[in-house]
Amino acid sequence: MAMSANRKGDRRERELVNRLDEAGFAVMRAPASGSATERELPDVLAGDGERFYAIEAKASSGRPIYLAGEEVEALIYFAQNFGAKSRIAVRFDREDWYFFHPGDLHVTDGGNYRVKKETALSDGVDFDEFVGHSTRTTLDDL
C-alpha cells in the first residue's frame, strides 16, 4: 500500500515541478527523504528571480491531508535559513494544486496539520494565483 501511495506522491510532485517550470520558475526536487541530510528537506524548491519558495507537496484522493508537526517545522526552518517562503501544496484528485502558508493550516490537538478538500478549494491559493498569472492578490502581498 505505502509503495503505491509513494509512487502517486512522486508522480504528483513531478507534475508540480513541471507546472512550475512551465510557469517560468527554476525548480528543483529534493532528494528522497533522509538521503541527503539528517534534516528533512522540502519536496520542491522554486524561484523566479523575485520569489523563492520551499514547498512541501501532498496529494490525496479526497481524504484530508495530514502533515506531521515536525515536517512543517522543518519546512519553516529550512525556508527561513534559505531565504525562501514556506508553502504547503496540496492536490486532491480531479482538482488543481492549492497552496497554503503553514500558519494558515488547521492544527490538530496532537500538533499535526490538516487540510480538508473543502478548505483547499475555499481558502487555498490556486496554481495560477500562486505563479502570478492573475490580477488577484498574490502571496507576496500578504
N, C-alpha and C. Protein backbone atom coordinates (compact mmCIF):
# COMPACT_ATOMS: atom_id res chain seq x y z
N MET A 1 0.83 -1.20 0.00
CA MET A 1 0.00 0.00 0.00
C MET A 1 0.87 1.26 0.00
N ALA A 2 1.84 1.31 0.90
CA ALA A 2 2.67 2.51 1.02
C ALA A 2 3.39 2.80 -0.29
N MET A 3 3.76 1.72 -0.99
CA MET A 3 4.51 1.94 -2.21
C MET A 3 3.67 2.64 -3.26
N SER A 4 2.42 2.22 -3.42
CA SER A 4 1.59 2.87 -4.43
C SER A 4 1.32 4.31 -4.04
N ALA A 5 1.15 4.57 -2.75
CA ALA A 5 0.93 5.94 -2.29
C ALA A 5 2.17 6.79 -2.59
N ASN A 6 3.35 6.20 -2.36
CA ASN A 6 4.59 6.93 -2.64
C ASN A 6 4.74 7.20 -4.13
N ARG A 7 4.41 6.18 -4.93
CA ARG A 7 4.51 6.37 -6.39
C ARG A 7 3.59 7.50 -6.82
N LYS A 8 2.37 7.51 -6.28
CA LYS A 8 1.43 8.56 -6.62
C LYS A 8 1.98 9.90 -6.16
N GLY A 9 2.55 9.96 -4.97
CA GLY A 9 3.14 11.19 -4.46
C GLY A 9 4.26 11.68 -5.35
N ASP A 10 5.12 10.75 -5.78
CA ASP A 10 6.23 11.11 -6.68
C ASP A 10 5.70 11.67 -7.99
N ARG A 11 4.66 11.03 -8.51
CA ARG A 11 4.09 11.48 -9.79
C ARG A 11 3.51 12.88 -9.62
N ARG A 12 2.81 13.10 -8.53
CA ARG A 12 2.22 14.41 -8.26
C ARG A 12 3.30 15.47 -8.10
N GLU A 13 4.38 15.09 -7.39
CA GLU A 13 5.49 16.02 -7.19
C GLU A 13 6.11 16.41 -8.52
N ARG A 14 6.34 15.42 -9.38
CA ARG A 14 6.91 15.70 -10.71
C ARG A 14 5.98 16.60 -11.51
N GLU A 15 4.69 16.35 -11.39
CA GLU A 15 3.71 17.16 -12.10
C GLU A 15 3.79 18.61 -11.61
N LEU A 16 3.92 18.81 -10.29
CA LEU A 16 4.03 20.16 -9.74
C LEU A 16 5.31 20.83 -10.25
N VAL A 17 6.42 20.09 -10.25
CA VAL A 17 7.69 20.61 -10.74
C VAL A 17 7.55 21.04 -12.21
N ASN A 18 6.92 20.20 -13.02
CA ASN A 18 6.74 20.53 -14.44
C ASN A 18 5.87 21.76 -14.63
N ARG A 19 4.81 21.86 -13.85
CA ARG A 19 3.91 23.02 -13.95
C ARG A 19 4.64 24.30 -13.57
N LEU A 20 5.42 24.25 -12.49
CA LEU A 20 6.17 25.44 -12.05
C LEU A 20 7.22 25.81 -13.10
N ASP A 21 7.86 24.79 -13.67
CA ASP A 21 8.85 25.01 -14.72
C ASP A 21 8.21 25.72 -15.91
N GLU A 22 7.04 25.24 -16.33
CA GLU A 22 6.33 25.85 -17.45
C GLU A 22 5.92 27.29 -17.14
N ALA A 23 5.71 27.58 -15.85
CA ALA A 23 5.29 28.92 -15.44
C ALA A 23 6.49 29.86 -15.30
N GLY A 24 7.69 29.37 -15.62
CA GLY A 24 8.85 30.23 -15.63
C GLY A 24 9.69 30.22 -14.37
N PHE A 25 9.45 29.25 -13.51
CA PHE A 25 10.25 29.12 -12.29
C PHE A 25 11.43 28.18 -12.54
N ALA A 26 12.54 28.45 -11.88
CA ALA A 26 13.62 27.46 -11.80
C ALA A 26 13.21 26.55 -10.66
N VAL A 27 13.18 25.25 -10.91
CA VAL A 27 12.62 24.32 -9.94
C VAL A 27 13.57 23.16 -9.69
N MET A 28 13.62 22.70 -8.46
CA MET A 28 14.44 21.56 -8.08
C MET A 28 13.67 20.68 -7.11
N ARG A 29 13.68 19.40 -7.36
CA ARG A 29 13.10 18.46 -6.40
C ARG A 29 14.20 18.03 -5.44
N ALA A 30 13.86 17.96 -4.17
CA ALA A 30 14.83 17.49 -3.18
C ALA A 30 14.97 15.98 -3.32
N PRO A 31 16.15 15.46 -2.95
CA PRO A 31 16.30 14.00 -2.96
C PRO A 31 15.33 13.36 -1.98
N ALA A 32 15.12 12.08 -2.14
CA ALA A 32 14.19 11.34 -1.28
C ALA A 32 14.54 11.57 0.19
N SER A 33 13.53 11.58 1.01
CA SER A 33 13.70 11.85 2.43
C SER A 33 14.84 11.05 3.03
N GLY A 34 15.62 11.72 3.84
CA GLY A 34 16.65 11.03 4.62
C GLY A 34 17.95 10.77 3.90
N SER A 35 17.97 10.95 2.58
CA SER A 35 19.20 10.57 1.88
C SER A 35 20.27 11.65 1.94
N ALA A 36 19.86 12.92 1.94
CA ALA A 36 20.85 13.99 1.82
C ALA A 36 21.40 14.43 3.18
N THR A 37 20.50 14.65 4.12
CA THR A 37 20.94 15.15 5.41
C THR A 37 20.06 14.54 6.48
N GLU A 38 20.43 14.77 7.72
CA GLU A 38 19.59 14.30 8.83
C GLU A 38 18.29 15.08 8.86
N ARG A 39 18.37 16.31 8.41
CA ARG A 39 17.21 17.19 8.48
C ARG A 39 16.29 16.95 7.29
N GLU A 40 14.99 17.01 7.56
CA GLU A 40 14.02 16.88 6.47
C GLU A 40 14.20 18.04 5.49
N LEU A 41 14.17 17.75 4.22
CA LEU A 41 14.23 18.78 3.19
C LEU A 41 12.84 18.98 2.60
N PRO A 42 12.57 20.20 2.12
CA PRO A 42 11.28 20.39 1.43
C PRO A 42 11.26 19.57 0.15
N ASP A 43 10.07 19.24 -0.35
CA ASP A 43 9.96 18.44 -1.57
C ASP A 43 10.46 19.19 -2.79
N VAL A 44 10.15 20.48 -2.83
CA VAL A 44 10.43 21.27 -4.02
C VAL A 44 10.95 22.64 -3.64
N LEU A 45 11.97 23.10 -4.38
CA LEU A 45 12.44 24.48 -4.27
C LEU A 45 12.14 25.15 -5.59
N ALA A 46 11.56 26.35 -5.55
CA ALA A 46 11.21 27.05 -6.78
C ALA A 46 11.45 28.54 -6.63
N GLY A 47 12.01 29.14 -7.67
CA GLY A 47 12.23 30.58 -7.65
C GLY A 47 12.14 31.15 -9.05
N ASP A 48 11.73 32.41 -9.13
CA ASP A 48 11.66 33.06 -10.45
C ASP A 48 12.47 34.35 -10.49
N GLY A 49 13.44 34.48 -9.58
CA GLY A 49 14.27 35.67 -9.55
C GLY A 49 13.76 36.73 -8.59
N GLU A 50 12.48 36.64 -8.27
CA GLU A 50 11.89 37.59 -7.32
C GLU A 50 11.29 36.87 -6.13
N ARG A 51 10.70 35.72 -6.41
CA ARG A 51 10.03 34.95 -5.35
C ARG A 51 10.70 33.59 -5.23
N PHE A 52 10.94 33.19 -4.00
CA PHE A 52 11.58 31.90 -3.74
C PHE A 52 10.74 31.12 -2.75
N TYR A 53 10.44 29.90 -3.11
CA TYR A 53 9.56 29.07 -2.29
C TYR A 53 10.22 27.74 -1.94
N ALA A 54 10.01 27.32 -0.70
CA ALA A 54 10.31 25.96 -0.27
C ALA A 54 8.94 25.32 -0.07
N ILE A 55 8.69 24.23 -0.79
CA ILE A 55 7.34 23.67 -0.85
C ILE A 55 7.31 22.22 -0.39
N GLU A 56 6.37 21.91 0.48
CA GLU A 56 6.07 20.54 0.86
C GLU A 56 4.81 20.18 0.08
N ALA A 57 4.88 19.13 -0.75
CA ALA A 57 3.75 18.77 -1.62
C ALA A 57 3.07 17.51 -1.13
N LYS A 58 1.74 17.55 -1.07
CA LYS A 58 0.96 16.40 -0.63
C LYS A 58 -0.23 16.20 -1.55
N ALA A 59 -0.52 14.94 -1.85
CA ALA A 59 -1.67 14.63 -2.70
C ALA A 59 -2.59 13.63 -2.00
N SER A 60 -3.87 13.70 -2.31
CA SER A 60 -4.85 12.80 -1.71
C SER A 60 -5.99 12.57 -2.68
N SER A 61 -6.61 11.40 -2.55
CA SER A 61 -7.75 11.12 -3.41
C SER A 61 -8.94 11.99 -2.99
N GLY A 62 -9.04 12.28 -1.72
CA GLY A 62 -10.18 13.06 -1.26
C GLY A 62 -10.20 13.16 0.25
N ARG A 63 -9.51 12.23 0.89
CA ARG A 63 -9.43 12.27 2.36
C ARG A 63 -8.58 13.45 2.78
N PRO A 64 -8.80 13.94 4.01
CA PRO A 64 -7.97 15.06 4.50
C PRO A 64 -6.49 14.70 4.45
N ILE A 65 -5.68 15.70 4.20
CA ILE A 65 -4.23 15.52 4.16
C ILE A 65 -3.68 15.95 5.52
N TYR A 66 -2.84 15.10 6.08
CA TYR A 66 -2.21 15.42 7.36
C TYR A 66 -0.71 15.57 7.18
N LEU A 67 -0.14 16.52 7.89
CA LEU A 67 1.31 16.70 7.91
C LEU A 67 1.75 16.68 9.37
N ALA A 68 2.83 15.97 9.64
CA ALA A 68 3.37 15.92 11.00
C ALA A 68 3.88 17.30 11.37
N GLY A 69 3.71 17.66 12.63
CA GLY A 69 4.19 18.94 13.11
C GLY A 69 5.66 19.14 12.80
N GLU A 70 6.46 18.06 12.99
CA GLU A 70 7.92 18.15 12.76
C GLU A 70 8.21 18.45 11.30
N GLU A 71 7.40 17.87 10.42
CA GLU A 71 7.58 18.07 8.98
C GLU A 71 7.40 19.55 8.63
N VAL A 72 6.36 20.14 9.19
CA VAL A 72 6.07 21.55 8.90
C VAL A 72 7.13 22.45 9.55
N GLU A 73 7.54 22.11 10.78
CA GLU A 73 8.58 22.89 11.45
C GLU A 73 9.88 22.84 10.66
N ALA A 74 10.22 21.65 10.14
CA ALA A 74 11.45 21.50 9.35
C ALA A 74 11.36 22.34 8.08
N LEU A 75 10.19 22.39 7.47
CA LEU A 75 9.99 23.20 6.26
C LEU A 75 10.20 24.68 6.58
N ILE A 76 9.59 25.15 7.66
CA ILE A 76 9.70 26.57 8.04
C ILE A 76 11.15 26.91 8.35
N TYR A 77 11.82 26.02 9.08
CA TYR A 77 13.22 26.23 9.46
C TYR A 77 14.10 26.33 8.21
N PHE A 78 13.93 25.38 7.30
CA PHE A 78 14.72 25.37 6.07
C PHE A 78 14.46 26.65 5.27
N ALA A 79 13.18 26.98 5.10
CA ALA A 79 12.81 28.14 4.29
C ALA A 79 13.43 29.41 4.85
N GLN A 80 13.36 29.58 6.17
CA GLN A 80 13.92 30.78 6.78
C GLN A 80 15.42 30.86 6.54
N ASN A 81 16.12 29.76 6.74
CA ASN A 81 17.57 29.74 6.56
C ASN A 81 17.96 29.94 5.10
N PHE A 82 17.12 29.45 4.21
CA PHE A 82 17.41 29.51 2.78
C PHE A 82 17.02 30.87 2.18
N GLY A 83 16.14 31.58 2.88
CA GLY A 83 15.65 32.85 2.36
C GLY A 83 14.46 32.66 1.45
N ALA A 84 13.71 31.59 1.68
CA ALA A 84 12.53 31.31 0.86
C ALA A 84 11.27 31.42 1.71
N LYS A 85 10.13 31.46 1.04
CA LYS A 85 8.85 31.42 1.74
C LYS A 85 8.42 29.96 1.80
N SER A 86 7.95 29.54 2.97
CA SER A 86 7.50 28.15 3.09
C SER A 86 6.04 28.05 2.66
N ARG A 87 5.75 27.03 1.86
CA ARG A 87 4.38 26.80 1.41
C ARG A 87 4.08 25.31 1.44
N ILE A 88 2.83 25.00 1.75
CA ILE A 88 2.32 23.63 1.66
C ILE A 88 1.47 23.59 0.40
N ALA A 89 1.79 22.66 -0.51
CA ALA A 89 1.00 22.49 -1.73
C ALA A 89 0.18 21.22 -1.60
N VAL A 90 -1.12 21.31 -1.82
CA VAL A 90 -1.98 20.13 -1.72
C VAL A 90 -2.75 19.96 -3.02
N ARG A 91 -2.96 18.69 -3.36
CA ARG A 91 -3.74 18.41 -4.57
C ARG A 91 -4.63 17.22 -4.29
N PHE A 92 -5.91 17.43 -4.51
CA PHE A 92 -6.89 16.36 -4.38
C PHE A 92 -7.27 15.91 -5.78
N ASP A 93 -7.60 14.63 -5.93
CA ASP A 93 -7.94 14.10 -7.26
C ASP A 93 -8.98 14.97 -7.95
N ARG A 94 -8.76 15.17 -9.23
CA ARG A 94 -9.65 15.97 -10.09
C ARG A 94 -9.69 17.44 -9.70
N GLU A 95 -8.73 17.89 -8.91
CA GLU A 95 -8.64 19.31 -8.56
C GLU A 95 -7.23 19.80 -8.89
N ASP A 96 -7.06 21.12 -8.85
CA ASP A 96 -5.76 21.70 -9.13
C ASP A 96 -4.94 21.74 -7.83
N TRP A 97 -3.72 22.21 -7.94
CA TRP A 97 -2.89 22.43 -6.77
C TRP A 97 -3.38 23.66 -6.03
N TYR A 98 -3.36 23.59 -4.70
CA TYR A 98 -3.67 24.73 -3.85
C TYR A 98 -2.54 24.90 -2.86
N PHE A 99 -2.22 26.17 -2.58
CA PHE A 99 -1.07 26.49 -1.75
C PHE A 99 -1.49 27.20 -0.47
N PHE A 100 -0.80 26.85 0.61
CA PHE A 100 -1.08 27.45 1.92
C PHE A 100 0.21 27.88 2.59
N HIS A 101 0.13 28.98 3.30
CA HIS A 101 1.18 29.34 4.24
C HIS A 101 0.98 28.41 5.43
N PRO A 102 2.08 27.86 6.00
CA PRO A 102 1.91 26.92 7.12
C PRO A 102 1.07 27.49 8.26
N GLY A 103 1.18 28.78 8.49
CA GLY A 103 0.43 29.41 9.58
C GLY A 103 -1.07 29.44 9.36
N ASP A 104 -1.49 29.16 8.12
CA ASP A 104 -2.92 29.18 7.81
C ASP A 104 -3.57 27.80 7.90
N LEU A 105 -2.76 26.79 8.21
CA LEU A 105 -3.30 25.43 8.27
C LEU A 105 -3.93 25.14 9.63
N HIS A 106 -4.92 24.27 9.61
CA HIS A 106 -5.56 23.82 10.85
C HIS A 106 -4.59 22.93 11.62
N VAL A 107 -4.42 23.22 12.90
CA VAL A 107 -3.56 22.40 13.75
C VAL A 107 -4.44 21.51 14.61
N THR A 108 -4.16 20.22 14.59
CA THR A 108 -4.95 19.27 15.37
C THR A 108 -4.50 19.30 16.83
N ASP A 109 -5.27 18.66 17.69
CA ASP A 109 -4.92 18.60 19.12
C ASP A 109 -3.56 17.96 19.32
N GLY A 110 -3.20 17.04 18.43
CA GLY A 110 -1.92 16.35 18.55
C GLY A 110 -0.74 17.14 17.99
N GLY A 111 -0.99 18.35 17.51
CA GLY A 111 0.09 19.18 17.00
C GLY A 111 0.46 18.91 15.55
N ASN A 112 -0.40 18.17 14.84
CA ASN A 112 -0.18 17.96 13.42
C ASN A 112 -1.03 18.95 12.63
N TYR A 113 -0.83 18.97 11.32
CA TYR A 113 -1.54 19.91 10.48
C TYR A 113 -2.47 19.16 9.55
N ARG A 114 -3.63 19.77 9.28
CA ARG A 114 -4.63 19.09 8.45
C ARG A 114 -5.17 20.04 7.39
N VAL A 115 -5.35 19.50 6.19
CA VAL A 115 -6.03 20.25 5.12
C VAL A 115 -7.15 19.38 4.58
N LYS A 116 -8.37 19.86 4.67
CA LYS A 116 -9.51 19.16 4.08
C LYS A 116 -9.70 19.69 2.66
N LYS A 117 -10.29 18.84 1.83
CA LYS A 117 -10.51 19.22 0.43
C LYS A 117 -11.32 20.52 0.34
N GLU A 118 -12.40 20.61 1.12
CA GLU A 118 -13.23 21.82 1.01
C GLU A 118 -12.47 23.07 1.47
N THR A 119 -11.56 22.89 2.43
CA THR A 119 -10.73 24.02 2.88
C THR A 119 -9.79 24.45 1.77
N ALA A 120 -9.20 23.47 1.09
CA ALA A 120 -8.28 23.78 -0.02
C ALA A 120 -9.01 24.58 -1.09
N LEU A 121 -10.22 24.13 -1.44
CA LEU A 121 -10.96 24.79 -2.52
C LEU A 121 -11.43 26.17 -2.11
N SER A 122 -11.78 26.35 -0.83
CA SER A 122 -12.32 27.66 -0.42
C SER A 122 -11.23 28.63 0.00
N ASP A 123 -10.17 28.15 0.65
CA ASP A 123 -9.18 29.05 1.25
C ASP A 123 -7.80 29.01 0.60
N GLY A 124 -7.52 27.96 -0.18
CA GLY A 124 -6.19 27.83 -0.76
C GLY A 124 -5.96 28.81 -1.90
N VAL A 125 -4.69 29.09 -2.15
CA VAL A 125 -4.31 29.92 -3.30
C VAL A 125 -4.14 28.97 -4.48
N ASP A 126 -4.88 29.18 -5.56
CA ASP A 126 -4.79 28.23 -6.67
C ASP A 126 -3.50 28.43 -7.47
N PHE A 127 -3.24 27.51 -8.37
CA PHE A 127 -1.96 27.50 -9.06
C PHE A 127 -1.68 28.80 -9.82
N ASP A 128 -2.65 29.26 -10.60
CA ASP A 128 -2.44 30.47 -11.41
C ASP A 128 -2.14 31.67 -10.53
N GLU A 129 -2.86 31.75 -9.42
CA GLU A 129 -2.64 32.85 -8.50
C GLU A 129 -1.24 32.73 -7.88
N PHE A 130 -0.87 31.52 -7.55
CA PHE A 130 0.44 31.27 -6.91
C PHE A 130 1.59 31.70 -7.81
N VAL A 131 1.50 31.38 -9.10
CA VAL A 131 2.60 31.72 -10.01
C VAL A 131 2.47 33.13 -10.55
N GLY A 132 1.39 33.82 -10.16
CA GLY A 132 1.26 35.22 -10.51
C GLY A 132 0.60 35.48 -11.85
N HIS A 133 -0.19 34.51 -12.34
CA HIS A 133 -0.90 34.70 -13.61
C HIS A 133 -2.29 35.24 -13.38
N SER A 134 -2.46 35.98 -12.31
CA SER A 134 -3.79 36.50 -12.04
C SER A 134 -3.63 37.88 -11.44
N THR A 135 -4.66 38.67 -11.53
CA THR A 135 -4.58 40.03 -11.03
C THR A 135 -4.96 40.08 -9.55
N ARG A 136 -5.39 38.94 -9.02
CA ARG A 136 -5.75 38.90 -7.59
C ARG A 136 -4.48 39.01 -6.75
N THR A 137 -4.70 39.24 -5.48
CA THR A 137 -3.61 39.37 -4.53
C THR A 137 -2.73 38.13 -4.59
N THR A 138 -1.41 38.31 -4.67
CA THR A 138 -0.51 37.17 -4.62
C THR A 138 -0.03 36.98 -3.20
N LEU A 139 0.59 35.86 -2.95
CA LEU A 139 1.09 35.56 -1.60
C LEU A 139 2.10 36.61 -1.15
N ASP A 140 2.78 37.26 -2.10
CA ASP A 140 3.79 38.26 -1.73
C ASP A 140 3.16 39.49 -1.12
N ASP A 141 1.89 39.73 -1.40
CA ASP A 141 1.24 40.92 -0.85
C ASP A 141 0.79 40.70 0.59
N LEU A 142 0.88 39.46 1.06
CA LEU A 142 0.42 39.16 2.41
C LEU A 142 1.46 39.55 3.45
